[in-house]
Protein backbone atom coordinates (compact mmCIF):
# COMPACT_ATOMS: atom_id res chain seq x y z
CA UNK A 1 15.27 4.77 7.39
CA UNK A 2 14.58 1.63 5.97
CA UNK A 3 16.11 -1.72 7.69
CA UNK A 4 15.58 -3.87 4.72
CA UNK A 5 18.05 -6.38 4.22
CA UNK A 6 18.73 -6.93 0.38
CA UNK A 7 18.82 -10.91 0.93
CA UNK A 8 15.74 -10.99 3.02
CA UNK A 9 12.89 -9.25 0.80
CA UNK A 10 11.24 -11.15 -1.52
CA UNK A 11 13.82 -13.65 -2.00
CA UNK A 12 15.38 -11.31 -4.44
CA UNK A 13 18.69 -12.30 -3.75
CA UNK A 14 18.35 -15.94 -5.07
CA UNK A 15 16.68 -14.55 -8.16
CA UNK A 16 19.68 -12.34 -8.70
CA UNK A 17 22.39 -15.24 -8.20
CA UNK A 18 20.26 -17.40 -10.58
CA UNK A 19 20.63 -14.73 -13.35
CA UNK A 20 16.86 -13.95 -13.38
CA UNK A 21 16.38 -10.20 -12.02
CA UNK A 22 18.55 -7.40 -13.83
CA UNK A 23 20.24 -5.57 -10.81
CA UNK A 24 18.41 -2.29 -11.55
CA UNK A 25 14.90 -3.87 -11.29
CA UNK A 26 16.13 -5.53 -7.90
CA UNK A 27 17.05 -2.19 -6.53
CA UNK A 28 13.84 -0.72 -7.43
CA UNK A 29 11.70 -3.67 -5.77
CA UNK A 30 13.68 -3.31 -2.39
CA UNK A 31 13.22 0.44 -2.63
CA UNK A 32 9.49 0.14 -3.00
CA UNK A 33 9.52 -2.84 -0.37
CA UNK A 34 11.53 -0.21 2.12
CA UNK A 35 9.17 2.58 1.30
CA UNK A 36 6.14 0.59 2.09
CA UNK A 37 7.65 -0.58 5.30
CA UNK A 38 8.85 2.84 6.62
CA UNK A 39 6.87 5.20 8.69
CA UNK A 40 5.48 7.90 6.76
CA UNK A 41 4.43 11.25 7.30
CA UNK A 42 0.80 12.01 7.56
CA UNK A 43 -0.99 15.06 6.75
CA UNK A 44 -2.70 15.98 10.01
CA UNK A 45 -0.71 14.22 12.63
CA UNK A 46 -0.93 10.80 13.83
CA UNK A 47 -5.09 10.38 13.38
CA UNK A 48 -4.20 7.48 10.73
CA UNK A 49 -1.59 5.02 9.94
CA UNK A 50 -1.67 2.78 6.84
CA UNK A 51 0.29 -0.34 5.69
CA UNK A 52 -0.08 -2.07 2.05
CA UNK A 53 1.35 -5.51 1.47
CA UNK A 54 2.70 -7.27 -0.53
CA UNK A 55 5.26 -4.49 -1.66
CA UNK A 56 5.51 -6.55 -5.06
CA UNK A 57 3.48 -9.33 -6.25
CA UNK A 58 2.31 -10.88 -9.61
CA UNK A 59 -0.82 -10.23 -11.75
CA UNK A 60 -3.50 -10.67 -11.00
CA UNK A 61 -2.63 -9.37 -7.55
CA UNK A 62 -4.31 -9.21 -4.20
CA UNK A 63 -3.35 -6.09 -2.40
CA UNK A 64 -4.20 -5.82 1.57
CA UNK A 65 -4.66 -2.43 3.19
CA UNK A 66 -4.57 -2.07 7.15
CA UNK A 67 -5.22 1.24 8.26
CA UNK A 68 -5.16 2.16 11.87
CA UNK A 69 -7.49 5.11 12.96
CA UNK A 70 -7.18 6.85 16.22
CA UNK A 71 -10.63 7.36 17.73
CA UNK A 72 -11.69 11.01 17.40
CA UNK A 73 -15.40 12.37 17.71
CA UNK A 74 -14.60 14.28 14.18
CA UNK A 75 -14.08 10.90 12.33
CA UNK A 76 -16.92 10.24 9.84
CA UNK A 77 -15.48 8.23 6.98
CA UNK A 78 -12.29 6.30 5.34
CA UNK A 79 -11.75 5.89 1.96
CA UNK A 80 -8.71 3.77 0.22
CA UNK A 81 -7.88 4.22 -3.60
CA UNK A 82 -5.80 2.12 -5.35
CA UNK A 83 -4.87 3.66 -8.61
CA UNK A 84 -2.35 2.84 -11.39
CA UNK A 85 -1.98 4.16 -15.04
CA UNK A 86 -4.68 2.17 -16.35
CA UNK A 87 -6.56 0.79 -13.34
CA UNK A 88 -8.60 2.32 -10.55
CA UNK A 89 -10.56 1.12 -7.35
CA UNK A 90 -11.62 2.40 -4.23
CA UNK A 91 -13.60 1.75 -1.00
CA UNK A 92 -15.13 3.44 1.46
CA UNK A 93 -16.29 2.87 4.92
CA UNK A 94 -18.29 5.09 7.57
CA UNK A 95 -16.69 5.63 11.02
CA UNK A 96 -18.40 6.17 13.90
CA UNK A 97 -16.50 9.10 15.63
CA UNK A 98 -14.74 8.02 19.05
CA UNK A 99 -16.77 4.72 18.79
CA UNK A 100 -15.11 3.55 15.54
CA UNK A 101 -13.13 0.36 15.15
CA UNK A 102 -9.49 1.15 15.35
CA UNK A 103 -8.18 -1.39 12.52
CA UNK A 104 -9.92 -1.27 9.02
CA UNK A 105 -8.76 -3.89 6.57
CA UNK A 106 -9.65 -3.48 2.81
CA UNK A 107 -8.75 -5.84 0.07
CA UNK A 108 -8.34 -5.10 -3.61
CA UNK A 109 -8.47 -8.32 -5.72
CA UNK A 110 -7.36 -9.21 -9.12
CA UNK A 111 -5.34 -6.07 -9.50
CA UNK A 112 -3.57 -6.04 -13.23
CA UNK A 113 -0.11 -5.23 -13.72
CA UNK A 114 1.13 -1.51 -13.00
CA UNK A 115 2.78 0.73 -10.19
CA UNK A 116 -0.18 1.45 -7.91
CA UNK A 117 -0.49 4.35 -5.69
CA UNK A 118 -2.53 3.27 -2.59
CA UNK A 119 -3.98 6.51 -0.90
CA UNK A 120 -6.05 6.61 2.57
CA UNK A 121 -8.07 9.37 3.40
CA UNK A 122 -9.49 9.93 6.87
CA UNK A 123 -12.82 12.31 6.36
CA UNK A 124 -13.87 14.41 9.38
CA UNK A 125 -16.75 16.52 9.79
CA UNK A 126 -15.23 19.58 8.09
CA UNK A 127 -13.34 17.39 5.25
CA UNK A 128 -10.14 15.27 5.04
CA UNK A 129 -8.21 14.88 8.48
CA UNK A 130 -5.13 12.65 7.32
CA UNK A 131 -3.86 11.66 3.99
CA UNK A 132 -1.29 8.73 3.71
CA UNK A 133 0.13 7.07 0.37
CA UNK A 134 2.04 3.94 -0.22
CA UNK A 135 3.16 2.40 -3.30
CA UNK A 136 2.93 -1.11 -4.40
CA UNK A 137 4.00 -2.99 -7.61
CA UNK A 138 2.17 -5.63 -9.71
CA UNK A 139 4.68 -7.43 -12.20
CA UNK A 140 3.39 -9.45 -14.87
CA UNK A 141 2.87 -13.20 -14.03
CA UNK A 142 5.48 -15.48 -15.95
CA UNK A 143 4.50 -16.23 -19.40
CA UNK A 144 2.05 -13.50 -19.82
CA UNK A 145 2.03 -10.51 -22.30
CA UNK A 146 3.52 -7.28 -20.54
């Protein structure tokens, strides 16, 4: 359940009052922000949790991905993928099983406009152990071509 208050997220209410954002776009932006803040289902239990911020930003954007991995002897690698219809970027780090660092932070810089699916994959000895996906939106900067 999302606990996002319409007037607390991204200053959207102020933009609406001043006539800057169409109501439909506002609802979509708040919906994306709520999805990012809500706890997601993991394929494989609670082996991994992921947070992507900001939920909505202006191009060229910097997305920060924070991944918490529960220590386990089976953990070998963590891969994060940021993908839109026109752009792809990924990063991978090795994990040292039970001695692995629990918090991993990734930054994807200079992302162009688009709706991004950000996917984290925790890889174990026998393949993927957990997968988490979040959405982030990068909007055009004011005055730029769409």
